C-alpha cells in the first residue's frame, strides 16, 4: 500500500512497501541553474539517467514563495513523454538575483514506466524528492563552530499515505495519498557535533494539495486532514566533518491515535555559507517514517525540509566560505 519514495540530495532515498531501508541517502548534485534556465537530473531505479529542463519540458510555471531572505523564487512543473515512460516533475527554485549561483531547489519527480498521461497510475510509479543547490555540496566542507548551539526553523512537507483501520468504522480500508506541509524546528549542538529536531511540534501539519495533483488524482484526496496532529520527532544525529548527517530513527506521536510501530530515518546537510554569528545559515534534508497503529491503520510520511538559522532569518546576511564553494 505504501508509496515508494526515493529522495535525492543531493540524494536518492529508497524504500516503500514497509519500513524504510537504512543508508538510502546518496549525496550527489541533481540540478543546474543559471538564474534563468533550470535542468533537473537523476538516476532512476534501473540505472537510467533521466533529465528535464526549462527549454523543452515545461508544463506550467508559477511565481514561488521562499523563506530565504533576499531570494526570489519560481516554481516549474515539467512533463516529459517518451516511448517508454512519462516523467512528471516539480521544482521550486529559490535564488539570489544578484548571485544566481546561490540557489536552492526543492521538489519532486514521479516516473511512470510504460504509461501515458491519460492513464497514469500512482501505485505503478517511482517517486523521488529533491533538495539541491551549490550551498549544499558535500564536496565542500563547511567551517563548523567548535562550540555553542544554533536553532533553525522553516518549511517541511511532502507526501503521506494512510490506510484506515478498524477505528475508522465504515471508512475502514480506505486509502489516501496526499500532500502535507508544516514547520520543522532544529537544534544544533556544535560542541557535541549533533543535530535533532521535530516536524509538527510548532504549528500543525496541514493537508494541502499544492504540487502533486498532476498525478495523485481526486480519488486519493484526504478530505479529513488526517495528517494534522502528528509530530515527527527526529532523533539526535551526528554531524559529519563534511556537514552531512543521517539517523535511522524517527519517533511519531499523536495525541489521540495509538502508534504501535514507527520506523524511519532522516538526514541532510548543513550550509557551506555562514550567518553573521558564524553558524551554518541553513540546514536542508529529508525525513521518512513508516508507522502502524493499534487498530491496524498504517501510513507513511516522506518529504523534504529547510531550516534557517535564527540569525539569518533576522538579518538575511550570510558569509561566503573563504575557500572555493558556496
Protein backbone atom coordinates (compact mmCIF):
# COMPACT_ATOMS: atom_id res chain seq x y z
CA UNK A 1 0.00 0.00 0.00
CA UNK A 2 2.81 2.42 0.81
CA UNK A 3 4.37 4.66 -1.75
CA UNK A 4 7.90 4.17 -2.98
CA UNK A 5 9.88 7.33 -2.37
CA UNK A 6 13.48 7.78 -3.41
CA UNK A 7 14.87 11.06 -2.21
CA UNK A 8 17.77 12.75 -3.81
CA UNK A 9 20.06 15.35 -2.13
CA UNK A 10 21.70 15.69 -3.38
CA UNK A 11 20.06 12.29 -2.64
CA UNK A 12 18.44 9.11 -3.56
CA UNK A 13 16.35 7.75 -0.79
CA UNK A 14 14.71 4.39 -1.38
CA UNK A 15 12.14 2.23 0.31
CA UNK A 16 8.42 1.63 0.30
CA UNK A 17 6.03 -1.19 0.91
CA UNK A 18 7.02 -1.32 4.59
CA UNK A 19 9.59 0.07 6.99
CA UNK A 20 12.28 2.14 5.30
CA UNK A 21 15.70 0.74 4.49
CA UNK A 22 18.90 2.07 6.01
CA UNK A 23 21.62 4.15 4.35
CA UNK A 24 19.45 5.30 1.44
CA UNK A 25 20.66 8.88 1.11
CA UNK A 26 23.25 9.21 -1.66
CA UNK A 27 24.75 12.66 -1.58
CA UNK A 28 25.10 13.97 -5.13
CA UNK A 29 24.15 17.00 -7.23
CA UNK A 30 20.85 16.88 -9.13
CA UNK A 31 20.37 20.35 -10.69
CA UNK A 32 21.92 23.08 -12.82
CA UNK A 33 20.63 26.67 -12.70
CA UNK A 34 21.96 29.94 -14.16
CA UNK A 35 19.30 32.41 -13.00
CA UNK A 36 17.03 31.71 -15.97
CA UNK A 37 17.28 28.10 -17.11
CA UNK A 38 16.92 25.03 -14.89
CA UNK A 39 17.88 21.41 -15.53
CA UNK A 40 16.92 18.62 -13.13
CA UNK A 41 18.50 15.18 -13.47
CA UNK A 42 18.67 11.92 -11.50
CA UNK A 43 19.40 8.23 -11.86
CA UNK A 44 16.31 6.02 -11.96
CA UNK A 45 15.91 2.60 -10.34
CA UNK A 46 17.07 0.82 -13.49
CA UNK A 47 20.24 2.92 -13.69
CA UNK A 48 18.99 5.22 -16.46
CA UNK A 49 19.92 8.90 -16.23
CA UNK A 50 16.76 10.99 -16.67
CA UNK A 51 16.52 14.76 -17.01
CA UNK A 52 14.07 17.60 -17.70
CA UNK A 53 14.76 21.24 -18.49
CA UNK A 54 13.00 24.58 -18.83
CA UNK A 55 13.62 24.74 -22.59
CA UNK A 56 11.90 21.52 -23.64
CA UNK A 57 9.65 20.15 -20.90
CA UNK A 58 7.77 22.92 -19.06
CA UNK A 59 4.13 22.04 -18.34
CA UNK A 60 3.46 25.02 -16.06
CA UNK A 61 5.36 27.87 -14.39
CA UNK A 62 4.21 29.98 -11.44
CA UNK A 63 5.69 32.57 -9.05
CA UNK A 64 7.12 30.85 -5.98
CA UNK A 65 7.46 31.59 -2.28
CA UNK A 66 10.75 31.26 -0.39
CA UNK A 67 11.70 31.68 3.27
CA UNK A 68 15.27 32.70 2.34
CA UNK A 69 15.82 36.47 2.89
CA UNK A 70 16.80 38.35 -0.26
CA UNK A 71 15.90 35.46 -2.56
CA UNK A 72 13.24 35.31 -5.25
CA UNK A 73 11.51 32.11 -6.30
CA UNK A 74 9.80 30.40 -9.20
CA UNK A 75 8.01 27.05 -9.45
CA UNK A 76 8.19 24.88 -12.56
CA UNK A 77 6.20 21.75 -13.37
CA UNK A 78 7.71 19.51 -16.04
CA UNK A 79 6.11 16.87 -18.27
CA UNK A 80 8.26 14.61 -20.47
CA UNK A 81 6.73 11.83 -22.57
CA UNK A 82 8.83 9.17 -24.30
CA UNK A 83 8.00 5.84 -25.91
CA UNK A 84 8.96 4.04 -22.70
CA UNK A 85 7.73 6.28 -19.89
CA UNK A 86 6.21 9.54 -18.68
CA UNK A 87 8.12 11.83 -16.32
CA UNK A 88 6.33 14.42 -14.16
CA UNK A 89 8.46 16.74 -12.04
CA UNK A 90 8.03 19.86 -9.95
CA UNK A 91 10.83 22.18 -8.81
CA UNK A 92 10.67 25.28 -6.62
CA UNK A 93 13.84 27.33 -7.13
CA UNK A 94 14.95 30.00 -4.63
CA UNK A 95 17.88 32.18 -5.66
CA UNK A 96 19.72 35.43 -5.03
CA UNK A 97 19.02 37.64 -8.09
CA UNK A 98 22.44 39.28 -7.65
CA UNK A 99 24.21 35.91 -7.37
CA UNK A 100 22.33 33.09 -9.16
CA UNK A 101 24.99 30.61 -8.02
CA UNK A 102 23.43 31.00 -4.57
CA UNK A 103 20.33 28.90 -5.21
CA UNK A 104 18.29 26.09 -3.68
CA UNK A 105 15.93 23.64 -5.37
CA UNK A 106 13.21 21.70 -3.55
CA UNK A 107 10.89 19.44 -5.48
CA UNK A 108 9.82 16.01 -6.60
CA UNK A 109 9.91 13.66 -9.56
CA UNK A 110 7.45 10.90 -10.49
CA UNK A 111 8.45 8.34 -13.11
CA UNK A 112 5.75 6.24 -14.81
CA UNK A 113 7.36 3.34 -16.75
CA UNK A 114 5.28 2.21 -19.72
CA UNK A 115 2.50 4.75 -19.01
CA UNK A 116 0.98 7.72 -20.83
CA UNK A 117 -0.61 10.84 -19.26
CA UNK A 118 -4.20 9.72 -19.85
CA UNK A 119 -3.73 6.59 -17.72
CA UNK A 120 -1.08 7.36 -15.11
CA UNK A 121 -1.22 5.10 -12.04
CA UNK A 122 0.35 6.46 -8.87
CA UNK A 123 0.97 2.98 -7.47
CA UNK A 124 2.77 2.00 -10.64
CA UNK A 125 5.28 4.82 -10.43
CA UNK A 126 8.62 5.67 -8.86
CA UNK A 127 8.79 8.85 -6.78
CA UNK A 128 11.79 10.96 -5.89
CA UNK A 129 12.07 14.02 -3.69
CA UNK A 130 14.75 16.59 -4.42
CA UNK A 131 16.72 19.08 -2.33
CA UNK A 132 19.79 20.52 -4.04
CA UNK A 133 22.00 23.55 -4.57
CA UNK A 134 25.70 24.59 -4.60
CA UNK A 135 25.28 25.71 -1.00
CA UNK A 136 24.64 22.07 -0.04
CA UNK A 137 27.51 20.45 -1.96
CA UNK A 138 29.05 17.86 0.38
CA UNK A 139 32.34 18.01 -1.52
CA UNK A 140 32.96 21.44 0.05
CA UNK A 141 33.45 21.02 3.80
CA UNK A 142 31.72 23.68 5.90
CA UNK A 143 33.53 25.58 8.64
CA UNK A 144 31.56 24.39 11.67
CA UNK A 145 31.81 26.11 15.06
CA UNK A 146 33.64 24.17 17.77
CA UNK A 147 31.21 25.19 20.49
CA UNK A 148 27.81 26.75 21.09
CA UNK A 149 24.36 25.96 19.73
CA UNK A 150 22.10 27.26 16.97
CA UNK A 151 18.40 26.89 16.32
CA UNK A 152 16.79 26.51 12.91
CA UNK A 153 13.21 26.70 11.63
CA UNK A 154 11.49 26.59 8.26
CA UNK A 155 9.14 24.71 5.94
CA UNK A 156 8.79 20.93 5.72
CA UNK A 157 6.49 18.93 3.50
CA UNK A 158 6.00 16.10 1.08
CA UNK A 159 3.67 13.14 0.61
CA UNK A 160 1.90 10.90 3.05
CA UNK A 161 -0.21 7.78 2.64
CA UNK A 162 -2.71 6.33 5.10
CA UNK A 163 -4.83 3.19 5.10
CA UNK A 164 -7.60 3.31 7.70
CA UNK A 165 -8.01 0.56 10.28
CA UNK A 166 -10.97 -0.62 12.35
CA UNK A 167 -11.35 2.58 14.42
CA UNK A 168 -12.49 4.39 11.26
CA UNK A 169 -15.79 2.49 11.09
CA UNK A 170 -17.33 2.41 7.63
CA UNK A 171 -14.15 4.02 6.28
CA UNK A 172 -12.01 1.02 7.28
CA UNK A 173 -9.73 0.05 4.43
CA UNK A 174 -9.93 3.47 2.81
CA UNK A 175 -6.61 4.55 1.31
CA UNK A 176 -5.46 8.10 0.76
CA UNK A 177 -2.30 9.66 -0.63
CA UNK A 178 -1.95 13.36 -0.02
CA UNK A 179 0.46 16.25 0.49
CA UNK A 180 1.40 17.66 3.86
CA UNK A 181 3.08 20.92 4.87
CA UNK A 182 4.37 22.05 8.24
CA UNK A 183 7.24 23.61 10.16
CA UNK A 184 10.49 21.97 11.17
CA UNK A 185 12.43 23.11 14.24
CA UNK A 186 16.04 22.02 14.76
CA UNK A 187 18.78 22.49 17.35
CA UNK A 188 22.46 22.05 16.53
CA UNK A 189 24.95 21.49 19.37
CA UNK A 190 28.35 22.16 17.85
CA UNK A 191 30.30 21.16 20.97
CA UNK A 192 28.74 17.68 20.78
CA UNK A 193 28.54 17.72 16.98
CA UNK A 194 24.86 16.77 16.98
CA UNK A 195 21.55 17.83 15.46
CA UNK A 196 17.98 16.98 16.47
CA UNK A 197 14.53 18.33 15.67
CA UNK A 198 10.81 17.95 15.13
CA UNK A 199 8.28 18.40 12.33
CA UNK A 200 4.84 19.42 13.57
CA UNK A 201 5.81 20.40 17.14
CA UNK A 202 5.37 24.08 16.23
CA UNK A 203 2.02 24.53 14.48
CA UNK A 204 0.02 21.70 12.89
CA UNK A 205 0.73 19.71 9.78
CA UNK A 206 -1.56 20.96 7.03
CA UNK A 207 -3.14 18.86 4.30
CA UNK A 208 -2.74 20.85 1.11
CA UNK A 209 -2.61 19.60 -2.45
CA UNK A 210 -0.20 22.12 -3.89
CA UNK A 211 2.09 20.25 -6.29
CA UNK A 212 1.16 16.59 -6.72
CA UNK A 213 -2.33 16.93 -8.21
CA UNK A 214 -0.87 16.27 -11.66
CA UNK A 215 -0.74 12.56 -10.87
CA UNK A 216 -2.39 11.89 -7.48
CA UNK A 217 -5.96 12.19 -8.75
CA UNK A 218 -9.11 13.29 -6.94
CA UNK A 219 -9.94 9.78 -5.74
CA UNK A 220 -6.98 9.83 -3.32
CA UNK A 221 -7.71 13.21 -1.72
CA UNK A 222 -7.69 13.33 2.10
CA UNK A 223 -10.80 15.31 2.98
CA UNK A 224 -10.43 14.64 6.74
CA UNK A 225 -6.98 16.22 7.15
CA UNK A 226 -5.55 13.07 8.75
CA UNK A 227 -2.01 14.47 8.93
CA UNK A 228 -2.86 17.43 11.20
CA UNK A 229 -1.95 16.25 14.72
CA UNK A 230 1.04 14.00 14.01
CA UNK A 231 4.50 15.01 15.22
CA UNK A 232 7.70 13.63 13.69
CA UNK A 233 10.44 13.69 16.34
CA UNK A 234 13.82 13.45 14.61
CA UNK A 235 16.31 11.61 16.83
CA UNK A 236 19.75 13.05 17.53
CA UNK A 237 22.12 12.69 14.56
CA UNK A 238 25.90 13.09 14.43
CA UNK A 239 27.16 15.87 12.16
CA UNK A 240 30.00 14.59 9.99
CA UNK A 241 33.05 16.66 9.09
CA UNK A 242 31.62 17.31 5.63
CA UNK A 243 28.42 18.73 7.16
CA UNK A 244 26.16 15.79 6.31
CA UNK A 245 24.15 13.76 8.82
CA UNK A 246 21.90 10.67 8.90
CA UNK A 247 19.98 8.84 11.61
CA UNK A 248 17.74 5.79 11.29
CA UNK A 249 15.24 6.81 13.95
CA UNK A 250 12.11 8.96 13.76
CA UNK A 251 9.53 8.83 16.57
CA UNK A 252 5.93 9.51 15.55
CA UNK A 253 3.46 10.89 18.11
CA UNK A 254 -0.27 11.67 18.03
CA UNK A 255 -2.48 12.91 20.90
CA UNK A 256 -5.34 10.50 20.11
CA UNK A 257 -4.04 7.72 17.88
CA UNK A 258 -2.06 4.83 19.44
CA UNK A 259 1.11 4.37 17.38
CA UNK A 260 2.39 0.80 17.87
CA UNK A 261 5.25 0.91 15.37
CA UNK A 262 7.22 3.79 13.90
CA UNK A 263 10.36 3.18 11.87
CA UNK A 264 12.01 5.96 9.96
CA UNK A 265 15.11 7.85 9.07
CA UNK A 266 16.18 11.39 8.36
CA UNK A 267 19.26 13.15 7.08
CA UNK A 268 20.67 16.01 5.10
CA UNK A 269 23.42 18.58 5.20
CA UNK A 270 24.38 21.93 6.70
CA UNK A 271 25.03 25.03 4.64
CA UNK A 272 28.50 25.92 3.37
CA UNK A 273 27.65 29.58 3.99
CA UNK A 274 27.51 31.07 7.46
CA UNK A 275 25.25 33.57 9.18
CA UNK A 276 26.71 36.59 10.99
CA UNK A 277 27.15 34.52 14.18
CA UNK A 278 29.47 32.16 12.29
CA UNK A 279 26.97 29.27 12.24
CA UNK A 280 25.76 27.48 9.10
CA UNK A 281 22.94 29.68 7.80
CA UNK A 282 20.62 26.77 6.99
CA UNK A 283 20.02 23.03 7.20
CA UNK A 284 18.29 21.04 4.44
CA UNK A 285 17.35 17.41 4.02
CA UNK A 286 14.77 14.62 4.13
CA UNK A 287 12.59 12.76 6.59
CA UNK A 288 10.73 9.47 6.29
CA UNK A 289 8.65 7.44 8.75
CA UNK A 290 6.51 4.35 8.26
CA UNK A 291 4.01 3.64 11.04
CA UNK A 292 1.30 1.29 12.26
CA UNK A 293 -1.46 1.94 14.78
CA UNK A 294 -3.33 -0.26 17.24
CA UNK A 295 -6.45 -0.57 15.04
CA UNK A 296 -4.45 -1.79 12.05
CA UNK A 297 -4.12 1.59 10.37
CA UNK A 298 -0.78 2.17 8.66
CA UNK A 299 0.85 5.01 6.83
CA UNK A 300 3.98 6.85 5.85
CA UNK A 301 5.27 10.44 5.79
CA UNK A 302 8.15 11.23 3.47
CA UNK A 303 9.44 14.60 2.29
CA UNK A 304 11.95 17.43 2.48
CA UNK A 305 12.74 20.25 4.90
CA UNK A 306 14.62 23.54 5.00
CA UNK A 307 15.57 25.18 8.30
CA UNK A 308 17.09 28.68 8.50
CA UNK A 309 19.18 29.84 11.46
CA UNK A 310 17.57 32.34 13.80
CA UNK A 311 20.18 35.00 12.98
CA UNK A 312 19.85 34.51 9.22
CA UNK A 313 16.06 34.82 9.47
CA UNK A 314 16.51 38.07 11.39
CA UNK A 315 19.01 39.94 9.22
CA UNK A 316 19.26 37.99 5.95
CA UNK A 317 23.05 38.36 5.89
CA UNK A 318 25.28 35.42 5.02
CA UNK A 319 29.00 34.96 4.71
CA UNK A 320 30.59 33.09 1.84
CA UNK A 321 33.15 30.41 2.76
CA UNK A 322 36.79 31.55 2.49
CA UNK A 323 37.65 28.81 0.02
CA UNK A 324 36.10 27.72 -3.26
CA UNK A 325 32.46 26.69 -2.91
CA UNK A 326 29.09 28.02 -1.86
